[in-house]
């Protein structure tokens, strides 16, 4: 916690915090070490290209675990549109 107050790289830490508010991955899903790698990814791209950040975030295993849809609600009488439909219409 004190590193956030006295570290010499204050600008980088603030940029990483800002990026973590836009490019989000949960701390509640997946491996706890995965979130450490996620924060390291944000540190790596803090002053780089946003395009490169999004590319690396897309292929990051922690993001894949975050977007796995395991906690989606199934269809029910109360919520008939909660689950995605399996049929796709061709144009």
PDB file of N, CA and C in Angstrom:
ATOM      1  N   UNK A   1       0.820  -1.192   0.000  1.00  0.00           N
ATOM      2  CA  UNK A   1       0.000   0.000   0.000  1.00  0.00           C
ATOM      3  C   UNK A   1       0.862   1.254   0.000  1.00  0.00           C
ATOM      4  N   UNK A   2       1.970   1.229   0.732  1.00  0.00           N
ATOM      5  CA  UNK A   2       2.819   2.419   0.784  1.00  0.00           C
ATOM      6  C   UNK A   2       3.474   2.700  -0.558  1.00  0.00           C
ATOM      7  N   UNK A   3       3.627   1.653  -1.393  1.00  0.00           N
ATOM      8  CA  UNK A   3       4.218   1.872  -2.714  1.00  0.00           C
ATOM      9  C   UNK A   3       3.360   2.832  -3.535  1.00  0.00           C
ATOM     10  N   UNK A   4       2.058   2.790  -3.327  1.00  0.00           N
ATOM     11  CA  UNK A   4       1.161   3.693  -4.051  1.00  0.00           C
ATOM     12  C   UNK A   4       1.377   5.146  -3.636  1.00  0.00           C
ATOM     13  N   UNK A   5       1.954   5.350  -2.460  1.00  0.00           N
ATOM     14  CA  UNK A   5       2.154   6.718  -1.970  1.00  0.00           C
ATOM     15  C   UNK A   5       3.570   7.242  -2.189  1.00  0.00           C
ATOM     16  N   UNK A   6       4.556   6.370  -2.121  1.00  0.00           N
ATOM     17  CA  UNK A   6       5.936   6.848  -2.143  1.00  0.00           C
ATOM     18  C   UNK A   6       6.776   6.295  -3.292  1.00  0.00           C
ATOM     19  N   UNK A   7       6.206   5.468  -4.158  1.00  0.00           N
ATOM     20  CA  UNK A   7       6.977   4.895  -5.263  1.00  0.00           C
ATOM     21  C   UNK A   7       7.412   5.989  -6.233  1.00  0.00           C
ATOM     22  N   UNK A   8       8.575   5.816  -6.851  1.00  0.00           N
ATOM     23  CA  UNK A   8       9.060   6.843  -7.770  1.00  0.00           C
ATOM     24  C   UNK A   8       8.301   6.885  -9.107  1.00  0.00           C
ATOM     25  N   UNK A   9       7.512   5.860  -9.394  1.00  0.00           N
ATOM     26  CA  UNK A   9       6.789   5.803 -10.669  1.00  0.00           C
ATOM     27  C   UNK A   9       5.296   6.108 -10.480  1.00  0.00           C
ATOM     28  N   UNK A  10       4.994   7.222  -9.850  1.00  0.00           N
ATOM     29  CA  UNK A  10       3.612   7.598  -9.550  1.00  0.00           C
ATOM     30  C   UNK A  10       2.757   7.738 -10.799  1.00  0.00           C
ATOM     31  N   UNK A  11       3.311   8.326 -11.846  1.00  0.00           N
ATOM     32  CA  UNK A  11       2.524   8.510 -13.067  1.00  0.00           C
ATOM     33  C   UNK A  11       2.137   7.165 -13.659  1.00  0.00           C
ATOM     34  N   UNK A  12       3.075   6.234 -13.726  1.00  0.00           N
ATOM     35  CA  UNK A  12       2.776   4.909 -14.270  1.00  0.00           C
ATOM     36  C   UNK A  12       1.693   4.227 -13.434  1.00  0.00           C
ATOM     37  N   UNK A  13       1.785   4.293 -12.145  1.00  0.00           N
ATOM     38  CA  UNK A  13       0.794   3.658 -11.277  1.00  0.00           C
ATOM     39  C   UNK A  13      -0.591   4.266 -11.474  1.00  0.00           C
ATOM     40  N   UNK A  14      -0.647   5.557 -11.665  1.00  0.00           N
ATOM     41  CA  UNK A  14      -1.948   6.207 -11.889  1.00  0.00           C
ATOM     42  C   UNK A  14      -2.521   5.867 -13.258  1.00  0.00           C
ATOM     43  N   UNK A  15      -1.642   5.740 -14.247  1.00  0.00           N
ATOM     44  CA  UNK A  15      -2.099   5.333 -15.578  1.00  0.00           C
ATOM     45  C   UNK A  15      -2.600   3.898 -15.538  1.00  0.00           C
ATOM     46  N   UNK A  16      -1.892   3.017 -14.826  1.00  0.00           N
ATOM     47  CA  UNK A  16      -2.340   1.628 -14.696  1.00  0.00           C
ATOM     48  C   UNK A  16      -3.696   1.573 -14.007  1.00  0.00           C
ATOM     49  N   UNK A  17      -3.885   2.363 -12.963  1.00  0.00           N
ATOM     50  CA  UNK A  17      -5.183   2.389 -12.296  1.00  0.00           C
ATOM     51  C   UNK A  17      -6.265   2.853 -13.273  1.00  0.00           C
ATOM     52  N   UNK A  18      -5.978   3.878 -14.047  1.00  0.00           N
ATOM     53  CA  UNK A  18      -6.961   4.375 -15.019  1.00  0.00           C
ATOM     54  C   UNK A  18      -7.275   3.320 -16.062  1.00  0.00           C
ATOM     55  N   UNK A  19      -6.256   2.653 -16.584  1.00  0.00           N
ATOM     56  CA  UNK A  19      -6.485   1.599 -17.572  1.00  0.00           C
ATOM     57  C   UNK A  19      -7.309   0.463 -16.972  1.00  0.00           C
ATOM     58  N   UNK A  20      -7.079   0.166 -15.706  1.00  0.00           N
ATOM     59  CA  UNK A  20      -7.829  -0.924 -15.072  1.00  0.00           C
ATOM     60  C   UNK A  20      -9.307  -0.579 -14.923  1.00  0.00           C
ATOM     61  N   UNK A  21      -9.662   0.684 -15.028  1.00  0.00           N
ATOM     62  CA  UNK A  21     -11.063   1.094 -14.971  1.00  0.00           C
ATOM     63  C   UNK A  21     -11.749   0.977 -16.329  1.00  0.00           C
ATOM     64  N   UNK A  22     -10.951   0.931 -17.415  1.00  0.00           N
ATOM     65  CA  UNK A  22     -11.506   0.820 -18.771  1.00  0.00           C
ATOM     66  C   UNK A  22     -11.405  -0.590 -19.322  1.00  0.00           C
ATOM     67  N   UNK A  23     -10.282  -1.233 -19.111  1.00  0.00           N
ATOM     68  CA  UNK A  23     -10.052  -2.594 -19.591  1.00  0.00           C
ATOM     69  C   UNK A  23     -10.111  -3.480 -18.353  1.00  0.00           C
ATOM     70  N   UNK A  24     -11.283  -4.057 -18.096  1.00  0.00           N
ATOM     71  CA  UNK A  24     -11.579  -4.675 -16.802  1.00  0.00           C
ATOM     72  C   UNK A  24     -11.474  -6.194 -16.883  1.00  0.00           C
ATOM     73  N   UNK A  25     -10.849  -6.781 -15.868  1.00  0.00           N
ATOM     74  CA  UNK A  25     -10.866  -8.224 -15.641  1.00  0.00           C
ATOM     75  C   UNK A  25     -11.081  -8.429 -14.145  1.00  0.00           C
ATOM     76  N   UNK A  26     -11.910  -9.365 -13.796  1.00  0.00           N
ATOM     77  CA  UNK A  26     -12.320  -9.546 -12.403  1.00  0.00           C
ATOM     78  C   UNK A  26     -11.239 -10.177 -11.543  1.00  0.00           C
ATOM     79  N   UNK A  27     -11.240  -9.808 -10.279  1.00  0.00           N
ATOM     80  CA  UNK A  27     -10.365 -10.459  -9.309  1.00  0.00           C
ATOM     81  C   UNK A  27     -11.052 -11.674  -8.707  1.00  0.00           C
ATOM     82  N   UNK A  28     -12.319 -11.861  -8.978  1.00  0.00           N
ATOM     83  CA  UNK A  28     -13.092 -12.955  -8.377  1.00  0.00           C
ATOM     84  C   UNK A  28     -13.096 -14.218  -9.219  1.00  0.00           C
ATOM     85  N   UNK A  29     -12.700 -14.154 -10.462  1.00  0.00           N
ATOM     86  CA  UNK A  29     -12.727 -15.338 -11.321  1.00  0.00           C
ATOM     87  C   UNK A  29     -11.313 -15.759 -11.653  1.00  0.00           C
ATOM     88  N   UNK A  30     -11.163 -17.032 -11.894  1.00  0.00           N
ATOM     89  CA  UNK A  30      -9.877 -17.538 -12.348  1.00  0.00           C
ATOM     90  C   UNK A  30      -8.850 -17.663 -11.237  1.00  0.00           C
ATOM     91  N   UNK A  31      -7.646 -17.884 -11.652  1.00  0.00           N
ATOM     92  CA  UNK A  31      -6.508 -18.058 -10.760  1.00  0.00           C
ATOM     93  C   UNK A  31      -6.117 -16.710 -10.149  1.00  0.00           C
ATOM     94  N   UNK A  32      -5.886 -16.649  -8.836  1.00  0.00           N
ATOM     95  CA  UNK A  32      -5.456 -15.375  -8.232  1.00  0.00           C
ATOM     96  C   UNK A  32      -4.153 -14.840  -8.836  1.00  0.00           C
ATOM     97  N   UNK A  33      -3.274 -15.734  -9.237  1.00  0.00           N
ATOM     98  CA  UNK A  33      -2.038 -15.292  -9.885  1.00  0.00           C
ATOM     99  C   UNK A  33      -2.314 -14.683 -11.253  1.00  0.00           C
ATOM    100  N   UNK A  34      -3.439 -15.057 -11.852  1.00  0.00           N
ATOM    101  CA  UNK A  34      -3.807 -14.490 -13.143  1.00  0.00           C
ATOM    102  C   UNK A  34      -4.022 -12.989 -13.053  1.00  0.00           C
ATOM    103  N   UNK A  35      -4.554 -12.530 -11.929  1.00  0.00           N
ATOM    104  CA  UNK A  35      -4.770 -11.089 -11.770  1.00  0.00           C
ATOM    105  C   UNK A  35      -3.436 -10.358 -11.631  1.00  0.00           C
ATOM    106  N   UNK A  36      -2.460 -10.997 -11.024  1.00  0.00           N
ATOM    107  CA  UNK A  36      -1.124 -10.400 -10.934  1.00  0.00           C
ATOM    108  C   UNK A  36      -0.550 -10.223 -12.336  1.00  0.00           C
ATOM    109  N   UNK A  37      -0.703 -11.244 -13.171  1.00  0.00           N
ATOM    110  CA  UNK A  37      -0.237 -11.135 -14.556  1.00  0.00           C
ATOM    111  C   UNK A  37      -1.016 -10.061 -15.314  1.00  0.00           C
ATOM    112  N   UNK A  38      -2.299  -9.908 -14.984  1.00  0.00           N
ATOM    113  CA  UNK A  38      -3.133  -8.890 -15.619  1.00  0.00           C
ATOM    114  C   UNK A  38      -2.612  -7.488 -15.290  1.00  0.00           C
ATOM    115  N   UNK A  39      -2.319  -7.245 -14.019  1.00  0.00           N
ATOM    116  CA  UNK A  39      -1.790  -5.943 -13.606  1.00  0.00           C
ATOM    117  C   UNK A  39      -0.419  -5.706 -14.240  1.00  0.00           C
ATOM    118  N   UNK A  40       0.387  -6.757 -14.328  1.00  0.00           N
ATOM    119  CA  UNK A  40       1.695  -6.616 -14.995  1.00  0.00           C
ATOM    120  C   UNK A  40       1.520  -6.253 -16.466  1.00  0.00           C
ATOM    121  N   UNK A  41       0.490  -6.804 -17.102  1.00  0.00           N
ATOM    122  CA  UNK A  41       0.199  -6.450 -18.494  1.00  0.00           C
ATOM    123  C   UNK A  41      -0.137  -4.966 -18.605  1.00  0.00           C
ATOM    124  N   UNK A  42      -0.930  -4.457 -17.671  1.00  0.00           N
ATOM    125  CA  UNK A  42      -1.278  -3.034 -17.686  1.00  0.00           C
ATOM    126  C   UNK A  42      -0.042  -2.173 -17.437  1.00  0.00           C
ATOM    127  N   UNK A  43       0.837  -2.608 -16.540  1.00  0.00           N
ATOM    128  CA  UNK A  43       2.086  -1.881 -16.307  1.00  0.00           C
ATOM    129  C   UNK A  43       2.931  -1.843 -17.571  1.00  0.00           C
ATOM    130  N   UNK A  44       2.997  -2.963 -18.258  1.00  0.00           N
ATOM    131  CA  UNK A  44       3.802  -3.055 -19.478  1.00  0.00           C
ATOM    132  C   UNK A  44       3.302  -2.101 -20.553  1.00  0.00           C
ATOM    133  N   UNK A  45       1.997  -1.928 -20.642  1.00  0.00           N
ATOM    134  CA  UNK A  45       1.409  -1.115 -21.708  1.00  0.00           C
ATOM    135  C   UNK A  45       0.965   0.271 -21.238  1.00  0.00           C
ATOM    136  N   UNK A  46       1.354   0.679 -20.042  1.00  0.00           N
ATOM    137  CA  UNK A  46       0.880   1.948 -19.479  1.00  0.00           C
ATOM    138  C   UNK A  46       1.189   3.135 -20.384  1.00  0.00           C
ATOM    139  N   UNK A  47       2.371   3.172 -20.965  1.00  0.00           N
ATOM    140  CA  UNK A  47       2.744   4.299 -21.820  1.00  0.00           C
ATOM    141  C   UNK A  47       2.895   3.883 -23.276  1.00  0.00           C
ATOM    142  N   UNK A  48       2.333   2.730 -23.626  1.00  0.00           N
ATOM    143  CA  UNK A  48       2.440   2.238 -24.990  1.00  0.00           C
ATOM    144  C   UNK A  48       1.196   2.523 -25.798  1.00  0.00           C
ATOM    145  N   UNK A  49       1.060   1.776 -26.845  1.00  0.00           N
ATOM    146  CA  UNK A  49      -0.063   1.914 -27.758  1.00  0.00           C
ATOM    147  C   UNK A  49      -1.304   1.241 -27.166  1.00  0.00           C
ATOM    148  N   UNK A  50      -2.423   1.935 -27.202  1.00  0.00           N
ATOM    149  CA  UNK A  50      -3.680   1.365 -26.708  1.00  0.00           C
ATOM    150  C   UNK A  50      -4.083   0.169 -27.551  1.00  0.00           C
ATOM    151  N   UNK A  51      -3.763   0.223 -28.822  1.00  0.00           N
ATOM    152  CA  UNK A  51      -4.053  -0.894 -29.724  1.00  0.00           C
ATOM    153  C   UNK A  51      -3.302  -2.149 -29.290  1.00  0.00           C
ATOM    154  N   UNK A  52      -2.030  -1.999 -28.926  1.00  0.00           N
ATOM    155  CA  UNK A  52      -1.247  -3.134 -28.455  1.00  0.00           C
ATOM    156  C   UNK A  52      -1.801  -3.673 -27.136  1.00  0.00           C
ATOM    157  N   UNK A  53      -2.242  -2.769 -26.271  1.00  0.00           N
ATOM    158  CA  UNK A  53      -2.845  -3.186 -25.004  1.00  0.00           C
ATOM    159  C   UNK A  53      -4.092  -4.023 -25.264  1.00  0.00           C
ATOM    160  N   UNK A  54      -4.959  -3.563 -26.136  1.00  0.00           N
ATOM    161  CA  UNK A  54      -6.187  -4.307 -26.418  1.00  0.00           C
ATOM    162  C   UNK A  54      -5.898  -5.652 -27.065  1.00  0.00           C
ATOM    163  N   UNK A  55      -4.890  -5.709 -27.935  1.00  0.00           N
ATOM    164  CA  UNK A  55      -4.525  -6.981 -28.555  1.00  0.00           C
ATOM    165  C   UNK A  55      -4.039  -7.970 -27.496  1.00  0.00           C
ATOM    166  N   UNK A  56      -3.130  -7.523 -26.628  1.00  0.00           N
ATOM    167  CA  UNK A  56      -2.609  -8.414 -25.597  1.00  0.00           C
ATOM    168  C   UNK A  56      -3.665  -8.761 -24.553  1.00  0.00           C
ATOM    169  N   UNK A  57      -4.577  -7.840 -24.267  1.00  0.00           N
ATOM    170  CA  UNK A  57      -5.666  -8.135 -23.336  1.00  0.00           C
ATOM    171  C   UNK A  57      -6.606  -9.181 -23.920  1.00  0.00           C
ATOM    172  N   UNK A  58      -6.803  -9.137 -25.216  1.00  0.00           N
ATOM    173  CA  UNK A  58      -7.700 -10.075 -25.880  1.00  0.00           C
ATOM    174  C   UNK A  58      -7.194 -11.507 -25.780  1.00  0.00           C
ATOM    175  N   UNK A  59      -5.908 -11.700 -25.853  1.00  0.00           N
ATOM    176  CA  UNK A  59      -5.356 -13.054 -25.821  1.00  0.00           C
ATOM    177  C   UNK A  59      -4.834 -13.451 -24.441  1.00  0.00           C
ATOM    178  N   UNK A  60      -5.061 -12.621 -23.447  1.00  0.00           N
ATOM    179  CA  UNK A  60      -4.603 -12.904 -22.090  1.00  0.00           C
ATOM    180  C   UNK A  60      -5.477 -13.986 -21.455  1.00  0.00           C
ATOM    181  N   UNK A  61      -4.890 -15.028 -20.841  1.00  0.00           N
ATOM    182  CA  UNK A  61      -5.693 -16.099 -20.242  1.00  0.00           C
ATOM    183  C   UNK A  61      -6.623 -15.617 -19.122  1.00  0.00           C
ATOM    184  N   UNK A  62      -6.214 -14.617 -18.369  1.00  0.00           N
ATOM    185  CA  UNK A  62      -7.076 -14.105 -17.294  1.00  0.00           C
ATOM    186  C   UNK A  62      -8.335 -13.462 -17.872  1.00  0.00           C
ATOM    187  N   UNK A  63      -8.213 -12.758 -18.977  1.00  0.00           N
ATOM    188  CA  UNK A  63      -9.389 -12.178 -19.634  1.00  0.00           C
ATOM    189  C   UNK A  63     -10.285 -13.289 -20.168  1.00  0.00           C
ATOM    190  N   UNK A  64      -9.689 -14.343 -20.703  1.00  0.00           N
ATOM    191  CA  UNK A  64     -10.480 -15.478 -21.176  1.00  0.00           C
ATOM    192  C   UNK A  64     -11.274 -16.122 -20.054  1.00  0.00           C
ATOM    193  N   UNK A  65     -10.674 -16.232 -18.885  1.00  0.00           N
ATOM    194  CA  UNK A  65     -11.374 -16.787 -17.730  1.00  0.00           C
ATOM    195  C   UNK A  65     -12.495 -15.847 -17.270  1.00  0.00           C
ATOM    196  N   UNK A  66     -12.253 -14.555 -17.356  1.00  0.00           N
ATOM    197  CA  UNK A  66     -13.251 -13.564 -16.963  1.00  0.00           C
ATOM    198  C   UNK A  66     -14.464 -13.608 -17.888  1.00  0.00           C
ATOM    199  N   UNK A  67     -14.249 -13.876 -19.156  1.00  0.00           N
ATOM    200  CA  UNK A  67     -15.324 -13.856 -20.150  1.00  0.00           C
ATOM    201  C   UNK A  67     -15.851 -15.248 -20.502  1.00  0.00           C
ATOM    202  N   UNK A  68     -15.762 -16.194 -19.595  1.00  0.00           N
ATOM    203  CA  UNK A  68     -16.102 -17.572 -19.928  1.00  0.00           C
ATOM    204  C   UNK A  68     -17.595 -17.889 -19.872  1.00  0.00           C
ATOM    205  N   UNK A  69     -18.422 -16.989 -19.418  1.00  0.00           N
ATOM    206  CA  UNK A  69     -19.881 -17.145 -19.368  1.00  0.00           C
ATOM    207  C   UNK A  69     -20.352 -18.206 -18.387  1.00  0.00           C
ATOM    208  N   UNK A  70     -19.522 -18.652 -17.457  1.00  0.00           N
ATOM    209  CA  UNK A  70     -19.932 -19.678 -16.494  1.00  0.00           C
ATOM    210  C   UNK A  70     -21.040 -19.209 -15.572  1.00  0.00           C
ATOM    211  N   UNK A  71     -21.130 -17.928 -15.315  1.00  0.00           N
ATOM    212  CA  UNK A  71     -22.117 -17.449 -14.356  1.00  0.00           C
ATOM    213  C   UNK A  71     -23.349 -16.853 -15.019  1.00  0.00           C
ATOM    214  N   UNK A  72     -23.524 -17.078 -16.308  1.00  0.00           N
ATOM    215  CA  UNK A  72     -24.735 -16.619 -16.977  1.00  0.00           C
ATOM    216  C   UNK A  72     -25.947 -17.367 -16.424  1.00  0.00           C
ATOM    217  N   UNK A  73     -27.063 -16.677 -16.339  1.00  0.00           N
ATOM    218  CA  UNK A  73     -28.282 -17.321 -15.856  1.00  0.00           C
ATOM    219  C   UNK A  73     -28.911 -18.121 -16.994  1.00  0.00           C
ATOM    220  N   UNK A  74     -29.451 -19.293 -16.693  1.00  0.00           N
ATOM    221  CA  UNK A  74     -30.141 -20.068 -17.734  1.00  0.00           C
ATOM    222  C   UNK A  74     -31.529 -19.487 -17.991  1.00  0.00           C
ATOM    223  N   UNK A  75     -32.121 -19.898 -19.084  1.00  0.00           N
ATOM    224  CA  UNK A  75     -33.494 -19.489 -19.372  1.00  0.00           C
ATOM    225  C   UNK A  75     -34.418 -20.051 -18.304  1.00  0.00           C
ATOM    226  N   UNK A  76     -35.410 -19.289 -17.967  1.00  0.00           N
ATOM    227  CA  UNK A  76     -36.425 -19.740 -17.016  1.00  0.00           C
ATOM    228  C   UNK A  76     -37.727 -19.043 -17.359  1.00  0.00           C
ATOM    229  N   UNK A  77     -38.772 -19.427 -16.664  1.00  0.00           N
ATOM    230  CA  UNK A  77     -40.079 -18.793 -16.901  1.00  0.00           C
ATOM    231  C   UNK A  77     -40.031 -17.319 -16.532  1.00  0.00           C
ATOM    232  N   UNK A  78     -39.243 -16.977 -15.501  1.00  0.00           N
ATOM    233  CA  UNK A  78     -39.144 -15.580 -15.071  1.00  0.00           C
ATOM    234  C   UNK A  78     -38.298 -14.736 -16.027  1.00  0.00           C
ATOM    235  N   UNK A  79     -37.373 -15.387 -16.701  1.00  0.00           N
ATOM    236  CA  UNK A  79     -36.461 -14.648 -17.581  1.00  0.00           C
ATOM    237  C   UNK A  79     -36.225 -15.446 -18.867  1.00  0.00           C
ATOM    238  N   UNK A  80     -37.151 -15.373 -19.813  1.00  0.00           N
ATOM    239  CA  UNK A  80     -37.016 -16.194 -21.027  1.00  0.00           C
ATOM    240  C   UNK A  80     -35.885 -15.739 -21.954  1.00  0.00           C
ATOM    241  N   UNK A  81     -35.379 -14.528 -21.770  1.00  0.00           N
ATOM    242  CA  UNK A  81     -34.317 -14.029 -22.658  1.00  0.00           C
ATOM    243  C   UNK A  81     -32.966 -13.940 -21.966  1.00  0.00           C
ATOM    244  N   UNK A  82     -32.790 -14.639 -20.849  1.00  0.00           N
ATOM    245  CA  UNK A  82     -31.522 -14.560 -20.115  1.00  0.00           C
ATOM    246  C   UNK A  82     -30.399 -15.291 -20.827  1.00  0.00           C
ATOM    247  N   UNK A  83     -30.701 -16.388 -21.478  1.00  0.00           N
ATOM    248  CA  UNK A  83     -29.667 -17.162 -22.163  1.00  0.00           C
ATOM    249  C   UNK A  83     -29.675 -16.817 -23.644  1.00  0.00           C
ATOM    250  N   UNK A  84     -28.532 -16.856 -24.287  1.00  0.00           N
ATOM    251  CA  UNK A  84     -28.504 -16.590 -25.729  1.00  0.00           C
ATOM    252  C   UNK A  84     -29.199 -17.716 -26.491  1.00  0.00           C
ATOM    253  N   UNK A  85     -29.771 -17.363 -27.618  1.00  0.00           N
ATOM    254  CA  UNK A  85     -30.441 -18.375 -28.429  1.00  0.00           C
ATOM    255  C   UNK A  85     -29.401 -19.174 -29.192  1.00  0.00           C
ATOM    256  N   UNK A  86     -29.741 -20.421 -29.481  1.00  0.00           N
ATOM    257  CA  UNK A  86     -28.788 -21.303 -30.175  1.00  0.00           C
ATOM    258  C   UNK A  86     -28.931 -21.227 -31.679  1.00  0.00           C
ATOM    259  N   UNK A  87     -30.017 -20.703 -32.161  1.00  0.00           N
ATOM    260  CA  UNK A  87     -30.221 -20.624 -33.591  1.00  0.00           C
ATOM    261  C   UNK A  87     -29.811 -19.242 -34.089  1.00  0.00           C
ATOM    262  N   UNK A  88     -29.193 -19.221 -35.232  1.00  0.00           N
ATOM    263  CA  UNK A  88     -28.803 -17.972 -35.862  1.00  0.00           C
ATOM    264  C   UNK A  88     -29.456 -17.911 -37.231  1.00  0.00           C
ATOM    265  N   UNK A  89     -29.985 -16.749 -37.563  1.00  0.00           N
ATOM    266  CA  UNK A  89     -30.609 -16.588 -38.865  1.00  0.00           C
ATOM    267  C   UNK A  89     -29.554 -16.196 -39.875  1.00  0.00           C
ATOM    268  N   UNK A  90     -29.635 -16.809 -41.028  1.00  0.00           N
ATOM    269  CA  UNK A  90     -28.730 -16.442 -42.127  1.00  0.00           C
ATOM    270  C   UNK A  90     -29.384 -15.353 -42.951  1.00  0.00           C
ATOM    271  N   UNK A  91     -28.601 -14.382 -43.355  1.00  0.00           N
ATOM    272  CA  UNK A  91     -29.155 -13.281 -44.166  1.00  0.00           C
ATOM    273  C   UNK A  91     -29.138 -13.633 -45.621  1.00  0.00           C
TER     274      UNK A  91
END
